[in-house]
């Protein structure tokens, strides 16, 4: 559910779509860039004394990938702007690094993790 929330926010944002088109997907894409890859990192249920309170706090990683660092960074900034205006998502830990295992293919990745509240 949380990855779907992030996907829906990004897919509705005109700036993100202008940069990544329909290449916003969970876990993987078709090796066409630029693209946004969404990964659920964790889910923490909110519990009350009588059990689950019907609310989860999840961390979703948003990886902006492109064939240049500048394009990956531009896409990451567009994703961040879209998600931060959504209301129930909050930036947790930005990571402005190049992933070496990805860069072997000439692809750069800029990652941001967002906290997502969902029921």
N, C-alpha and C. Protein backbone atom coordinates (compact mmCIF):
# COMPACT_ATOMS: atom_id res chain seq x y z
N UNK A 1 0.82 -1.19 0.00
CA UNK A 1 0.00 0.00 0.00
C UNK A 1 0.87 1.26 0.00
N UNK A 2 1.93 1.29 0.80
CA UNK A 2 2.73 2.52 0.91
C UNK A 2 3.47 2.84 -0.38
N UNK A 3 3.96 1.82 -1.06
CA UNK A 3 4.62 2.05 -2.34
C UNK A 3 3.60 2.58 -3.34
N UNK A 4 2.39 2.08 -3.28
CA UNK A 4 1.33 2.54 -4.18
C UNK A 4 1.00 4.01 -3.92
N UNK A 5 0.99 4.41 -2.66
CA UNK A 5 0.73 5.82 -2.32
C UNK A 5 1.80 6.71 -2.96
N UNK A 6 3.06 6.35 -2.78
CA UNK A 6 4.15 7.13 -3.37
C UNK A 6 4.05 7.13 -4.89
N UNK A 7 3.77 5.97 -5.47
CA UNK A 7 3.62 5.87 -6.93
C UNK A 7 2.53 6.80 -7.43
N UNK A 8 1.38 6.78 -6.78
CA UNK A 8 0.25 7.59 -7.23
C UNK A 8 0.56 9.08 -7.16
N UNK A 9 1.26 9.51 -6.11
CA UNK A 9 1.64 10.92 -5.98
C UNK A 9 2.60 11.30 -7.11
N UNK A 10 3.61 10.47 -7.36
CA UNK A 10 4.59 10.78 -8.39
C UNK A 10 3.99 10.74 -9.79
N UNK A 11 3.13 9.75 -10.05
CA UNK A 11 2.52 9.61 -11.38
C UNK A 11 1.55 10.75 -11.69
N UNK A 12 1.07 11.43 -10.66
CA UNK A 12 0.15 12.56 -10.85
C UNK A 12 0.88 13.90 -10.97
N UNK A 13 2.19 13.90 -10.75
CA UNK A 13 2.95 15.15 -10.78
C UNK A 13 3.49 15.41 -12.18
N UNK A 14 3.14 16.54 -12.75
CA UNK A 14 3.51 16.84 -14.14
C UNK A 14 5.02 16.96 -14.34
N UNK A 15 5.74 17.47 -13.35
CA UNK A 15 7.20 17.61 -13.49
C UNK A 15 7.87 16.24 -13.50
N UNK A 16 7.46 15.36 -12.59
CA UNK A 16 8.03 14.01 -12.54
C UNK A 16 7.72 13.26 -13.83
N UNK A 17 6.48 13.35 -14.29
CA UNK A 17 6.08 12.66 -15.53
C UNK A 17 6.84 13.22 -16.74
N UNK A 18 7.08 14.53 -16.76
CA UNK A 18 7.84 15.13 -17.87
C UNK A 18 9.26 14.57 -17.92
N UNK A 19 9.82 14.24 -16.76
CA UNK A 19 11.19 13.73 -16.72
C UNK A 19 11.27 12.21 -16.88
N UNK A 20 10.34 11.47 -16.25
CA UNK A 20 10.44 10.01 -16.23
C UNK A 20 9.36 9.30 -17.04
N UNK A 21 8.41 10.05 -17.59
CA UNK A 21 7.28 9.46 -18.34
C UNK A 21 6.56 8.46 -17.44
N UNK A 22 6.35 7.25 -17.92
CA UNK A 22 5.64 6.23 -17.13
C UNK A 22 6.60 5.27 -16.45
N UNK A 23 7.87 5.64 -16.36
CA UNK A 23 8.89 4.76 -15.76
C UNK A 23 9.01 5.03 -14.26
N UNK A 24 7.89 4.82 -13.56
CA UNK A 24 7.82 4.93 -12.09
C UNK A 24 7.29 3.59 -11.62
N UNK A 25 8.14 2.78 -11.01
CA UNK A 25 7.71 1.42 -10.71
C UNK A 25 8.34 0.89 -9.43
N UNK A 26 7.66 -0.08 -8.81
CA UNK A 26 8.25 -0.73 -7.64
C UNK A 26 9.35 -1.70 -8.04
N UNK A 27 10.46 -1.63 -7.33
CA UNK A 27 11.58 -2.55 -7.41
C UNK A 27 12.37 -2.56 -8.71
N UNK A 28 11.77 -2.43 -9.86
CA UNK A 28 12.51 -2.59 -11.10
C UNK A 28 11.81 -1.84 -12.22
N UNK A 29 12.50 -1.71 -13.33
CA UNK A 29 11.93 -1.13 -14.54
C UNK A 29 12.60 -1.79 -15.73
N UNK A 30 12.38 -1.27 -16.91
CA UNK A 30 12.83 -1.94 -18.12
C UNK A 30 14.16 -1.43 -18.66
N UNK A 31 15.06 -0.95 -17.80
CA UNK A 31 16.37 -0.45 -18.21
C UNK A 31 16.30 0.69 -19.21
N UNK A 32 15.28 1.52 -19.11
CA UNK A 32 15.16 2.74 -19.89
C UNK A 32 15.20 3.90 -18.91
N UNK A 33 15.99 4.90 -19.22
CA UNK A 33 16.21 5.98 -18.27
C UNK A 33 15.84 7.32 -18.88
N UNK A 34 15.51 8.29 -18.04
CA UNK A 34 15.45 8.27 -16.58
C UNK A 34 14.26 7.47 -16.07
N UNK A 35 14.37 7.03 -14.82
CA UNK A 35 13.32 6.21 -14.21
C UNK A 35 13.33 6.43 -12.69
N UNK A 36 12.20 6.10 -12.08
CA UNK A 36 12.06 6.15 -10.63
C UNK A 36 11.73 4.74 -10.15
N UNK A 37 12.52 4.24 -9.19
CA UNK A 37 12.29 2.92 -8.62
C UNK A 37 11.90 3.10 -7.15
N UNK A 38 10.81 2.47 -6.76
CA UNK A 38 10.27 2.58 -5.40
C UNK A 38 10.48 1.27 -4.65
N UNK A 39 10.99 1.36 -3.42
CA UNK A 39 11.23 0.16 -2.62
C UNK A 39 10.73 0.40 -1.20
N UNK A 40 9.93 -0.53 -0.69
CA UNK A 40 9.50 -0.46 0.70
C UNK A 40 10.64 -0.96 1.58
N UNK A 41 11.14 -0.11 2.47
CA UNK A 41 12.27 -0.45 3.33
C UNK A 41 11.78 -1.09 4.63
N UNK A 42 10.74 -0.51 5.23
CA UNK A 42 10.23 -1.05 6.49
C UNK A 42 8.79 -0.64 6.71
N UNK A 43 8.12 -1.38 7.58
CA UNK A 43 6.75 -1.06 8.00
C UNK A 43 6.71 -1.23 9.52
N UNK A 44 6.32 -0.16 10.20
CA UNK A 44 6.18 -0.20 11.66
C UNK A 44 4.71 0.03 12.01
N UNK A 45 4.03 -1.01 12.50
CA UNK A 45 2.63 -0.82 12.89
C UNK A 45 2.55 0.02 14.16
N UNK A 46 1.52 0.85 14.21
CA UNK A 46 1.27 1.65 15.41
C UNK A 46 0.35 0.83 16.30
N UNK A 47 0.81 0.54 17.50
CA UNK A 47 0.05 -0.29 18.41
C UNK A 47 -0.47 0.52 19.60
N UNK A 48 -1.65 0.14 20.04
CA UNK A 48 -2.23 0.68 21.27
C UNK A 48 -2.23 -0.43 22.31
N UNK A 49 -2.74 -0.17 23.48
CA UNK A 49 -2.76 -1.20 24.52
C UNK A 49 -3.56 -2.42 24.12
N UNK A 50 -4.57 -2.24 23.28
CA UNK A 50 -5.40 -3.37 22.87
C UNK A 50 -5.01 -3.93 21.49
N UNK A 51 -3.82 -3.57 20.97
CA UNK A 51 -3.37 -4.13 19.70
C UNK A 51 -3.14 -3.06 18.64
N UNK A 52 -3.13 -3.50 17.39
CA UNK A 52 -2.85 -2.62 16.26
C UNK A 52 -3.88 -1.50 16.19
N UNK A 53 -3.42 -0.28 16.04
CA UNK A 53 -4.29 0.90 16.02
C UNK A 53 -4.84 1.22 14.63
N UNK A 54 -4.55 0.35 13.66
CA UNK A 54 -5.05 0.57 12.30
C UNK A 54 -4.22 1.55 11.50
N UNK A 55 -2.98 1.80 11.94
CA UNK A 55 -2.11 2.77 11.28
C UNK A 55 -0.70 2.20 11.20
N UNK A 56 -0.06 2.39 10.05
CA UNK A 56 1.33 1.97 9.86
C UNK A 56 2.18 3.17 9.50
N UNK A 57 3.44 3.14 9.94
CA UNK A 57 4.42 4.12 9.51
C UNK A 57 5.48 3.34 8.73
N UNK A 58 5.60 3.64 7.46
CA UNK A 58 6.52 2.90 6.59
C UNK A 58 7.59 3.82 6.03
N UNK A 59 8.71 3.22 5.66
CA UNK A 59 9.76 3.95 4.96
C UNK A 59 9.79 3.43 3.53
N UNK A 60 9.69 4.35 2.58
CA UNK A 60 9.76 4.03 1.16
C UNK A 60 10.97 4.75 0.58
N UNK A 61 11.83 3.99 -0.11
CA UNK A 61 12.99 4.59 -0.77
C UNK A 61 12.62 4.92 -2.20
N UNK A 62 12.95 6.14 -2.61
CA UNK A 62 12.67 6.62 -3.96
C UNK A 62 14.02 6.83 -4.65
N UNK A 63 14.33 5.97 -5.62
CA UNK A 63 15.60 6.05 -6.35
C UNK A 63 15.36 6.69 -7.71
N UNK A 64 16.00 7.82 -7.94
CA UNK A 64 15.94 8.48 -9.24
C UNK A 64 17.17 8.03 -10.03
N UNK A 65 16.95 7.43 -11.19
CA UNK A 65 18.04 6.89 -11.99
C UNK A 65 18.05 7.55 -13.36
N UNK A 66 19.27 7.85 -13.84
CA UNK A 66 19.42 8.46 -15.16
C UNK A 66 20.84 8.20 -15.67
N UNK A 67 21.09 8.55 -16.91
CA UNK A 67 22.39 8.29 -17.51
C UNK A 67 23.42 9.37 -17.20
N UNK A 68 23.01 10.47 -16.55
CA UNK A 68 23.95 11.47 -16.05
C UNK A 68 23.58 11.79 -14.61
N UNK A 69 24.56 12.25 -13.84
CA UNK A 69 24.29 12.62 -12.47
C UNK A 69 23.33 13.80 -12.41
N UNK A 70 23.51 14.77 -13.28
CA UNK A 70 22.65 15.95 -13.29
C UNK A 70 21.19 15.57 -13.52
N UNK A 71 20.94 14.66 -14.44
CA UNK A 71 19.56 14.23 -14.73
C UNK A 71 18.98 13.44 -13.56
N UNK A 72 19.79 12.59 -12.92
CA UNK A 72 19.31 11.84 -11.75
C UNK A 72 18.97 12.78 -10.61
N UNK A 73 19.82 13.79 -10.39
CA UNK A 73 19.58 14.76 -9.33
C UNK A 73 18.34 15.60 -9.62
N UNK A 74 18.15 16.02 -10.86
CA UNK A 74 16.96 16.79 -11.24
C UNK A 74 15.69 15.97 -10.99
N UNK A 75 15.71 14.71 -11.36
CA UNK A 75 14.55 13.85 -11.15
C UNK A 75 14.32 13.62 -9.65
N UNK A 76 15.38 13.43 -8.89
CA UNK A 76 15.24 13.24 -7.43
C UNK A 76 14.62 14.48 -6.78
N UNK A 77 15.04 15.66 -7.22
CA UNK A 77 14.48 16.89 -6.67
C UNK A 77 13.01 17.04 -7.03
N UNK A 78 12.63 16.64 -8.24
CA UNK A 78 11.22 16.69 -8.65
C UNK A 78 10.38 15.72 -7.82
N UNK A 79 10.91 14.52 -7.58
CA UNK A 79 10.20 13.53 -6.75
C UNK A 79 10.05 14.06 -5.33
N UNK A 80 11.10 14.62 -4.80
CA UNK A 80 11.06 15.15 -3.43
C UNK A 80 10.00 16.25 -3.32
N UNK A 81 9.98 17.17 -4.27
CA UNK A 81 9.00 18.26 -4.24
C UNK A 81 7.58 17.72 -4.30
N UNK A 82 7.34 16.74 -5.16
CA UNK A 82 6.00 16.16 -5.30
C UNK A 82 5.57 15.46 -4.02
N UNK A 83 6.45 14.66 -3.44
CA UNK A 83 6.10 13.88 -2.26
C UNK A 83 5.96 14.74 -1.02
N UNK A 84 6.76 15.78 -0.91
CA UNK A 84 6.67 16.63 0.28
C UNK A 84 5.40 17.48 0.30
N UNK A 85 4.79 17.70 -0.84
CA UNK A 85 3.54 18.46 -0.86
C UNK A 85 2.31 17.56 -0.69
N UNK A 86 2.51 16.26 -0.63
CA UNK A 86 1.39 15.32 -0.55
C UNK A 86 0.71 15.30 0.82
N UNK A 87 1.41 15.73 1.85
CA UNK A 87 0.78 15.83 3.16
C UNK A 87 1.09 14.70 4.12
N UNK A 88 1.00 13.46 3.71
CA UNK A 88 1.21 12.34 4.63
C UNK A 88 2.53 11.62 4.37
N UNK A 89 3.44 12.27 3.61
CA UNK A 89 4.77 11.74 3.37
C UNK A 89 5.79 12.77 3.84
N UNK A 90 6.87 12.31 4.47
CA UNK A 90 7.88 13.23 4.98
C UNK A 90 9.27 12.70 4.66
N UNK A 91 10.14 13.57 4.17
CA UNK A 91 11.51 13.18 3.87
C UNK A 91 12.22 12.74 5.14
N UNK A 92 12.85 11.57 5.10
CA UNK A 92 13.56 11.04 6.26
C UNK A 92 15.07 11.15 6.10
N UNK A 93 15.60 10.64 4.98
CA UNK A 93 17.05 10.67 4.81
C UNK A 93 17.42 10.75 3.34
N UNK A 94 17.81 11.94 2.92
CA UNK A 94 18.29 12.08 1.54
C UNK A 94 19.70 11.50 1.42
N UNK A 95 20.01 10.93 0.28
CA UNK A 95 21.32 10.35 0.03
C UNK A 95 21.77 10.79 -1.36
N UNK A 96 22.67 11.72 -1.38
CA UNK A 96 23.12 12.30 -2.64
C UNK A 96 24.41 11.62 -3.07
N UNK A 97 24.31 10.32 -3.35
CA UNK A 97 25.50 9.56 -3.73
C UNK A 97 25.25 8.82 -5.04
N UNK A 98 26.34 8.38 -5.61
CA UNK A 98 26.27 7.57 -6.83
C UNK A 98 26.48 6.12 -6.40
N UNK A 99 25.56 5.27 -6.76
CA UNK A 99 25.66 3.87 -6.38
C UNK A 99 26.64 3.17 -7.32
N UNK A 100 27.78 2.68 -6.82
CA UNK A 100 28.79 2.10 -7.70
C UNK A 100 28.30 0.89 -8.50
N UNK A 101 27.49 0.05 -7.89
CA UNK A 101 27.03 -1.14 -8.62
C UNK A 101 26.10 -0.75 -9.75
N UNK A 102 25.40 0.36 -9.63
CA UNK A 102 24.53 0.83 -10.71
C UNK A 102 25.37 1.56 -11.75
N UNK A 103 26.35 2.34 -11.31
CA UNK A 103 27.13 3.17 -12.22
C UNK A 103 27.99 2.35 -13.18
N UNK A 104 28.19 1.08 -12.91
CA UNK A 104 28.97 0.25 -13.83
C UNK A 104 28.34 0.23 -15.22
N UNK A 105 27.03 0.40 -15.29
CA UNK A 105 26.33 0.43 -16.58
C UNK A 105 26.13 1.85 -17.08
N UNK A 106 26.79 2.83 -16.47
CA UNK A 106 26.63 4.21 -16.88
C UNK A 106 25.34 4.83 -16.38
N UNK A 107 24.82 4.32 -15.28
CA UNK A 107 23.58 4.84 -14.71
C UNK A 107 23.88 5.41 -13.33
N UNK A 108 23.38 6.61 -13.08
CA UNK A 108 23.55 7.28 -11.79
C UNK A 108 22.24 7.20 -11.02
N UNK A 109 22.36 7.13 -9.69
CA UNK A 109 21.18 7.02 -8.84
C UNK A 109 21.30 7.98 -7.67
N UNK A 110 20.23 8.73 -7.43
CA UNK A 110 20.12 9.59 -6.26
C UNK A 110 18.92 9.09 -5.47
N UNK A 111 19.13 8.81 -4.18
CA UNK A 111 18.09 8.18 -3.36
C UNK A 111 17.59 9.12 -2.27
N UNK A 112 16.30 9.00 -1.98
CA UNK A 112 15.68 9.68 -0.85
C UNK A 112 14.75 8.68 -0.18
N UNK A 113 14.71 8.70 1.14
CA UNK A 113 13.77 7.86 1.87
C UNK A 113 12.70 8.74 2.49
N UNK A 114 11.45 8.28 2.37
CA UNK A 114 10.30 9.03 2.88
C UNK A 114 9.53 8.20 3.88
N UNK A 115 9.08 8.84 4.94
CA UNK A 115 8.15 8.21 5.88
C UNK A 115 6.74 8.39 5.36
N UNK A 116 5.97 7.31 5.39
CA UNK A 116 4.61 7.33 4.86
C UNK A 116 3.65 6.81 5.93
N UNK A 117 2.64 7.59 6.26
CA UNK A 117 1.58 7.15 7.17
C UNK A 117 0.45 6.56 6.34
N UNK A 118 -0.02 5.39 6.72
CA UNK A 118 -1.13 4.76 5.99
C UNK A 118 -1.97 3.89 6.93
N UNK A 119 -3.19 3.65 6.51
CA UNK A 119 -4.05 2.78 7.31
C UNK A 119 -4.37 1.52 6.55
